[in-house]
Protein backbone atom coordinates (compact mmCIF):
# COMPACT_ATOMS: atom_id res chain seq x y z
CA MET A 1 94.87 -20.31 30.06
CA THR A 2 95.41 -18.84 33.53
CA ARG A 3 94.21 -15.53 32.14
CA ASP A 4 91.03 -17.17 30.77
CA ALA A 5 90.31 -18.75 34.12
CA ARG A 6 90.64 -15.41 35.95
CA ARG A 7 89.23 -12.85 33.54
CA ALA A 8 85.92 -11.53 34.81
CA LYS A 9 84.50 -11.22 31.29
CA SER A 10 85.40 -14.74 30.14
CA ALA A 11 82.46 -16.94 29.22
CA GLN A 12 81.59 -19.02 32.27
CA ALA A 13 81.88 -22.26 30.31
CA LEU A 14 85.39 -21.46 29.04
CA ALA A 15 86.47 -20.27 32.50
CA LEU A 16 85.28 -23.53 34.08
CA ARG A 17 87.10 -25.62 31.48
CA SER A 18 90.31 -23.66 32.04
CA LYS A 19 90.03 -24.16 35.79
CA ILE A 20 89.56 -27.89 35.25
CA VAL A 21 92.75 -28.15 33.19
CA LEU A 22 94.73 -26.03 35.68
CA GLY A 23 93.48 -28.16 38.56
CA CYS A 24 94.51 -31.36 36.81
CA ALA A 25 97.91 -29.86 36.01
CA ASP A 26 98.51 -29.46 39.73
CA GLY A 27 98.25 -33.24 40.09
CA ALA A 28 94.74 -33.50 41.53
CA ASP A 29 92.53 -36.39 40.40
CA ASN A 30 89.17 -35.94 38.68
CA LYS A 31 87.09 -36.29 41.84
CA ALA A 32 89.15 -33.75 43.77
CA VAL A 33 88.91 -31.20 40.95
CA ALA A 34 85.15 -31.83 40.64
CA ASP A 35 84.66 -31.25 44.37
CA GLN A 36 86.73 -28.08 44.26
CA LEU A 37 84.88 -26.60 41.27
CA ARG A 38 81.46 -28.01 42.26
CA CYS A 39 80.88 -29.88 39.02
CA SER A 40 80.59 -33.56 38.14
CA ALA A 41 83.54 -35.90 37.77
CA ASN A 42 82.30 -36.73 34.25
CA THR A 43 82.64 -33.06 33.29
CA VAL A 44 86.23 -33.00 34.55
CA SER A 45 87.03 -36.22 32.68
CA LYS A 46 85.53 -34.88 29.44
CA TRP A 47 87.50 -31.63 29.32
CA ARG A 48 90.70 -33.20 30.64
CA LYS A 49 90.56 -35.69 27.76
CA ARG A 50 89.72 -32.98 25.21
CA PHE A 51 92.71 -30.90 26.36
CA VAL A 52 95.09 -33.86 26.13
CA GLU A 53 93.94 -34.63 22.58
CA HIS A 54 93.53 -31.12 21.12
CA ARG A 55 95.28 -28.79 23.59
CA LEU A 56 93.66 -25.32 23.78
CA ASP A 57 91.48 -25.92 20.72
CA GLY A 58 89.81 -28.74 22.62
CA LEU A 59 88.33 -26.34 25.16
CA THR A 60 86.08 -24.59 22.63
CA ASP A 61 82.60 -25.82 21.72
CA GLU A 62 82.24 -28.05 18.74
CA PRO A 63 80.21 -26.69 15.80
CA ARG A 64 76.52 -27.21 16.36
CA PRO A 65 74.39 -29.02 13.74
CA GLY A 66 72.10 -27.07 11.42
CA GLY A 67 72.51 -24.14 9.10
CA PRO A 68 73.69 -20.71 10.21
CA ARG A 69 71.18 -18.29 11.64
CA THR A 70 69.57 -16.26 8.87
CA ILE A 71 67.25 -13.99 10.90
CA SER A 72 68.98 -10.94 12.29
CA VAL A 73 68.33 -9.33 15.65
CA ASP A 74 67.05 -6.23 13.85
CA GLN A 75 64.46 -8.29 11.99
CA VAL A 76 63.25 -9.90 15.21
CA GLU A 77 63.02 -6.49 16.85
CA ASP A 78 61.06 -5.15 13.90
CA VAL A 79 58.49 -7.95 14.20
CA ILE A 80 58.10 -7.44 17.95
CA VAL A 81 57.76 -3.64 17.73
CA ALA A 82 55.28 -3.85 14.86
CA THR A 83 53.20 -6.44 16.72
CA LEU A 84 53.05 -4.37 19.90
CA GLU A 85 52.77 -0.87 18.49
CA SER A 86 50.83 -1.07 15.22
CA THR A 87 47.96 -2.76 13.42
CA PRO A 88 47.77 -3.90 9.80
CA PRO A 89 45.65 -2.02 7.24
CA ASN A 90 41.93 -2.90 7.47
CA ALA A 91 42.41 -5.22 10.44
CA THR A 92 42.30 -4.97 14.22
CA HIS A 93 45.30 -7.22 14.86
CA TRP A 94 48.19 -8.97 13.15
CA SER A 95 47.98 -12.47 11.76
CA ARG A 96 51.00 -14.57 10.82
CA ALA A 97 50.16 -14.13 7.13
CA LYS A 98 49.86 -10.33 7.39
CA MET A 99 53.08 -9.98 9.38
CA ALA A 100 54.91 -12.29 6.97
CA GLN A 101 53.72 -10.15 4.06
CA ARG A 102 54.91 -7.00 5.82
CA THR A 103 58.36 -8.28 6.79
CA GLY A 104 59.18 -10.75 4.02
CA LEU A 105 59.74 -13.52 6.57
CA SER A 106 57.90 -16.83 6.47
CA LYS A 107 54.74 -17.44 8.46
CA THR A 108 56.57 -20.18 10.36
CA THR A 109 59.30 -17.72 11.38
CA ILE A 110 56.71 -15.17 12.52
CA GLY A 111 54.97 -17.82 14.57
CA LYS A 112 58.23 -18.87 16.21
CA ILE A 113 59.16 -15.27 17.08
CA TRP A 114 55.74 -14.69 18.62
CA LYS A 115 55.97 -17.93 20.57
CA ASP A 116 59.47 -17.12 21.88
CA PHE A 117 58.27 -13.72 23.14
CA GLY A 118 54.90 -14.92 24.43
CA LEU A 119 52.84 -12.87 21.95
CA LYS A 120 49.37 -14.03 20.85
CA PRO A 121 47.79 -11.30 18.70
CA HIS A 122 44.77 -13.49 17.88
CA ARG A 123 43.73 -13.73 21.53
CA VAL A 124 42.06 -11.15 23.74
CA ASP A 125 41.04 -11.29 27.40
CA HIS A 126 38.21 -9.19 28.78
CA PHE A 127 38.14 -7.13 31.97
CA LYS A 128 36.20 -4.31 33.57
CA LEU A 129 37.63 -2.17 36.32
CA SER A 130 35.37 -1.60 39.28
CA THR A 131 33.90 1.88 39.71
CA ASP A 132 32.73 1.13 43.25
CA PRO A 133 33.67 4.08 45.54
CA LEU A 134 33.94 1.56 48.40
CA PHE A 135 36.13 -0.81 46.40
CA ILE A 136 39.12 -0.84 48.78
CA GLY A 137 37.05 -1.36 51.91
CA LYS A 138 35.06 -4.21 50.36
CA LEU A 139 38.23 -5.78 48.98
CA TYR A 140 39.91 -5.86 52.39
CA ASP A 141 36.70 -7.19 53.98
CA VAL A 142 36.28 -10.12 51.58
CA VAL A 143 39.96 -11.06 51.33
CA GLY A 144 40.20 -10.85 55.11
CA LEU A 145 37.46 -13.47 55.41
CA TYR A 146 39.39 -15.74 53.03
CA LEU A 147 42.81 -15.39 54.65
CA ASN A 148 41.81 -14.88 58.29
CA PRO A 149 38.32 -16.31 58.84
CA PRO A 150 36.80 -15.54 62.24
CA GLU A 151 36.71 -18.23 64.90
CA ALA A 152 33.49 -20.11 65.65
CA ALA A 153 32.13 -19.09 62.27
CA VAL A 154 31.58 -20.43 58.77
CA VAL A 155 32.35 -18.38 55.65
CA LEU A 156 30.16 -19.12 52.64
CA CYS A 157 30.44 -17.73 49.11
CA VAL A 158 26.90 -17.19 47.82
CA ASP A 159 25.50 -16.50 44.37
CA GLU A 160 22.85 -17.56 41.90
CA LYS A 161 23.31 -19.06 38.45
CA SER A 162 20.15 -17.80 36.84
CA GLN A 163 18.43 -18.63 33.57
CA VAL A 164 19.79 -22.17 33.35
CA GLN A 165 17.96 -23.47 30.31
CA ALA A 166 16.49 -26.92 29.81
CA LEU A 167 17.49 -27.50 26.19
CA GLN A 168 16.47 -30.50 24.15
CA ARG A 169 18.44 -31.05 20.96
CA SER A 170 16.34 -31.50 17.84
CA GLN A 171 18.07 -34.81 17.04
CA PRO A 172 20.04 -37.37 19.05
CA ALA A 173 23.79 -36.81 19.25
CA PHE A 174 26.26 -38.90 17.29
CA PRO A 175 28.68 -40.50 19.77
CA MET A 176 32.41 -39.89 19.65
CA MET A 177 34.43 -42.27 17.47
CA PRO A 178 38.15 -42.61 16.71
CA GLY A 179 39.10 -39.59 14.65
CA MET A 180 35.69 -37.96 15.08
CA PRO A 181 34.39 -35.86 18.01
CA GLU A 182 30.89 -36.14 19.39
CA ARG A 183 28.47 -34.37 17.06
CA ARG A 184 25.36 -32.47 18.17
CA THR A 185 22.76 -30.48 16.31
CA HIS A 186 23.00 -26.72 16.60
CA ASP A 187 19.25 -26.25 17.07
CA TYR A 188 17.19 -27.18 20.09
CA VAL A 189 13.86 -26.73 21.83
CA ARG A 190 13.66 -24.65 24.99
CA HIS A 191 11.64 -26.15 27.84
CA GLY A 192 12.03 -23.39 30.42
CA THR A 193 14.63 -22.23 32.92
CA THR A 194 15.66 -22.66 36.52
CA THR A 195 18.03 -20.87 38.91
CA LEU A 196 20.72 -22.60 40.95
CA PHE A 197 21.35 -20.95 44.34
CA ALA A 198 24.67 -22.05 45.85
CA ALA A 199 26.61 -21.33 49.05
CA MET A 200 30.12 -22.78 49.02
CA ASN A 201 31.99 -23.34 52.27
CA VAL A 202 35.39 -21.65 51.90
CA ALA A 203 37.00 -24.06 54.37
CA ASP A 204 36.10 -27.41 52.80
CA GLY A 205 34.43 -26.67 49.44
CA SER A 206 31.09 -28.27 50.34
CA VAL A 207 28.01 -26.61 48.87
CA ILE A 208 24.51 -25.86 50.12
CA SER A 209 22.20 -25.48 47.14
CA SER A 210 18.62 -24.84 46.14
CA LEU A 211 16.76 -24.67 42.84
CA HIS A 212 14.00 -22.15 42.18
CA ARG A 213 12.11 -21.29 39.01
CA ARG A 214 12.26 -17.58 39.77
CA HIS A 215 15.04 -15.29 40.90
CA ARG A 216 13.62 -12.77 43.36
CA ALA A 217 14.21 -11.59 46.90
CA VAL A 218 11.56 -14.09 48.01
CA GLU A 219 13.59 -17.01 46.66
CA PHE A 220 16.82 -15.61 48.09
CA LYS A 221 15.14 -15.34 51.51
CA LYS A 222 14.13 -19.00 51.27
CA PHE A 223 17.73 -19.89 50.46
CA LEU A 224 19.02 -17.91 53.44
CA THR A 225 16.56 -19.79 55.64
CA LYS A 226 17.91 -23.09 54.30
CA ILE A 227 21.50 -22.01 55.01
CA ASP A 228 20.53 -20.98 58.55
CA ALA A 229 18.91 -24.38 59.11
CA GLU A 230 21.86 -26.41 57.83
CA VAL A 231 24.68 -24.57 59.62
CA PRO A 232 25.13 -25.62 63.29
CA ASP A 233 23.54 -23.20 65.75
CA ASP A 234 26.81 -22.46 67.57
CA LEU A 235 28.47 -20.92 64.48
CA GLU A 236 28.19 -17.43 63.07
CA ILE A 237 27.51 -17.25 59.34
CA HIS A 238 29.37 -14.87 57.03
CA LEU A 239 28.04 -14.75 53.48
CA ILE A 240 30.05 -13.26 50.61
CA CYS A 241 27.79 -12.13 47.77
CA ASP A 242 27.56 -9.55 44.99
CA ASN A 243 25.57 -6.33 44.82
CA TYR A 244 22.53 -7.76 43.02
CA GLY A 245 19.35 -5.95 44.04
CA THR A 246 17.69 -9.01 45.58
CA HIS A 247 20.52 -9.28 48.11
CA LYS A 248 19.73 -5.78 49.45
CA HIS A 249 15.94 -5.91 49.24
CA PRO A 250 13.96 -4.74 52.32
CA ILE A 251 12.70 -8.30 52.75
CA ILE A 252 16.30 -9.49 53.12
CA LYS A 253 17.20 -6.67 55.50
CA THR A 254 14.23 -7.57 57.68
CA TRP A 255 15.24 -11.25 57.67
CA LEU A 256 18.83 -10.40 58.59
CA ALA A 257 17.63 -8.24 61.50
CA ALA A 258 15.70 -11.24 62.81
CA ASN A 259 18.70 -13.56 62.32
CA PRO A 260 21.69 -11.65 63.74
CA ARG A 261 24.15 -14.54 63.43
CA VAL A 262 24.03 -14.12 59.63
CA SER A 263 26.12 -11.31 58.09
CA LEU A 264 26.35 -10.31 54.44
CA HIS A 265 29.64 -9.10 52.96
CA PHE A 266 29.43 -7.54 49.50
CA THR A 267 32.08 -7.76 46.79
CA PRO A 268 32.80 -4.53 44.87
CA THR A 269 30.80 -3.92 41.70
CA TYR A 270 32.23 -5.61 38.59
CA SER A 271 34.34 -7.87 40.81
CA SER A 272 32.74 -11.29 40.54
CA TRP A 273 36.28 -12.73 40.46
CA LEU A 274 36.40 -12.10 44.22
CA ASN A 275 33.60 -14.61 44.83
CA LEU A 276 34.96 -18.17 44.88
CA VAL A 277 31.56 -19.71 44.17
CA GLU A 278 31.97 -18.52 40.56
CA ARG A 279 34.61 -21.21 40.14
CA PHE A 280 32.10 -23.77 41.39
CA PHE A 281 29.62 -22.57 38.77
CA GLY A 282 32.37 -23.00 36.18
CA TYR A 283 32.63 -26.69 37.06
CA VAL A 284 28.84 -27.11 36.88
CA THR A 285 28.82 -25.54 33.43
CA ALA A 286 31.76 -27.53 32.06
CA ASP A 287 30.74 -30.89 33.51
CA LEU A 288 26.98 -30.78 33.07
CA LEU A 289 25.34 -27.77 31.46
CA GLN A 290 27.58 -27.21 28.44
CA ARG A 291 26.30 -30.35 26.71
CA SER A 292 23.00 -30.69 28.53
CA ASP A 293 20.06 -32.31 26.72
CA HIS A 294 16.89 -32.22 28.80
CA HIS A 295 13.28 -32.64 27.77
CA SER A 296 11.95 -30.72 30.79
CA VAL A 297 12.97 -28.36 33.58
CA GLN A 298 12.28 -31.15 36.05
CA ALA A 299 14.81 -33.40 34.32
CA LEU A 300 17.38 -30.59 34.31
CA GLU A 301 16.87 -29.91 38.01
CA ALA A 302 17.16 -33.61 38.84
CA ASP A 303 20.52 -33.78 37.08
CA ILE A 304 21.77 -30.62 38.83
CA ARG A 305 20.81 -32.04 42.24
CA LYS A 306 22.56 -35.30 41.40
CA TRP A 307 25.68 -33.41 40.28
CA VAL A 308 25.83 -31.30 43.46
CA THR A 309 25.38 -34.43 45.60
CA ALA A 310 28.34 -36.04 43.85
CA TRP A 311 30.39 -32.84 44.35
CA ASN A 312 29.70 -32.88 48.09
CA GLN A 313 30.95 -36.44 48.37
CA GLU A 314 34.42 -35.19 47.38
CA PRO A 315 34.29 -31.38 47.70
CA LYS A 316 37.13 -29.27 46.33
CA PRO A 317 38.00 -26.15 48.34
CA PHE A 318 39.50 -23.27 46.38
CA VAL A 319 42.39 -21.74 48.32
CA TRP A 320 42.74 -17.96 48.14
CA THR A 321 46.38 -16.82 48.25
CA LYS A 322 46.54 -13.13 47.23
CA THR A 323 46.46 -10.45 49.92
CA ALA A 324 44.48 -7.27 49.41
CA ASP A 325 47.71 -5.29 49.08
CA GLN A 326 48.99 -7.62 46.34
CA ILE A 327 45.70 -7.24 44.45
CA LEU A 328 45.82 -3.47 44.71
CA ASN A 329 49.41 -3.45 43.45
CA SER A 330 48.43 -5.62 40.45
CA LEU A 331 45.50 -3.34 39.66
CA GLY A 332 47.78 -0.35 39.95
CA ARG A 333 50.17 -1.81 37.37
CA LEU A 334 47.24 -2.61 35.08
CA ILE A 335 45.90 0.92 35.30
CA GLN A 336 49.39 2.28 34.61
CA ARG A 337 49.67 0.13 31.49
CA ILE A 338 46.26 1.32 30.31
CA SER A 339 47.21 4.94 30.92
CA ASN A 340 50.46 4.54 28.97
CA SER A 341 48.82 2.78 26.04
CA GLY A 342 47.34 6.02 24.71
CA HIS A 343 43.76 4.68 24.58
């Protein structure tokens, strides 16, 4: 037993139990042994009693319920390797049924193996790496505004959600009932579109918004004028926006020259994830637009204004935590994985 307590390769559980018995043999009480070994007094009492009743056999684990394991390590490895490194005939990815047919295991077993190893062959996420030659500089600029905003200034994330459709369902919806979700017709009548312009305050999550039927530099200029009017005169204004052509139009450049307290900071191309206002648009879509039913553009715009007003009563700021260096390191690992995949 002393050897079990001291051997470096002994299982930790068996070593602890041996130390408990040896400590008790020296005459110490349960609490003293527990304090010495940094475990609970109940643990000491349990294994002390087991040793008294069954001697050394009492220190081993009791048989666990259930049948013996029938899936070997080699079979698990085969499933994992096949999932990661191959595809089934005439299919782009593995399903549980196809993998079960290949391996002879049950679909339930395949599903459990995939779950244990975090594999989801049926799912795919989309991405697009930026090709912007100024990517690094723009990344540091935008992330710097999030993590270290300038003093006496407001940082606003700006974008437009264009082509928001006023859709009227062809028939009224059936309300949700126990055991039955809400049911809507798949067809609808289009009554026109509008564009939601939004500028979200990075510090507190409040939003300045406008609605326009068209999406041109003229409308963007009107929105900039509204932002300038609503932000206190003693603050500089830093706007984070994408590289859409209307944001760089000569009309906008002229307006910016006449309003020097307003500065535009552009995210890299294909990097909308850097603009926090996109998360705000996600809430608008999920809460209002996804199930919208409007008989006119005017009705749609009225509901959007009402929704934004309610948002500003309890705004939700989105806190940016990643540094530019951490983002670049993550992108580097992603590119390395792509390069090693052989595609």
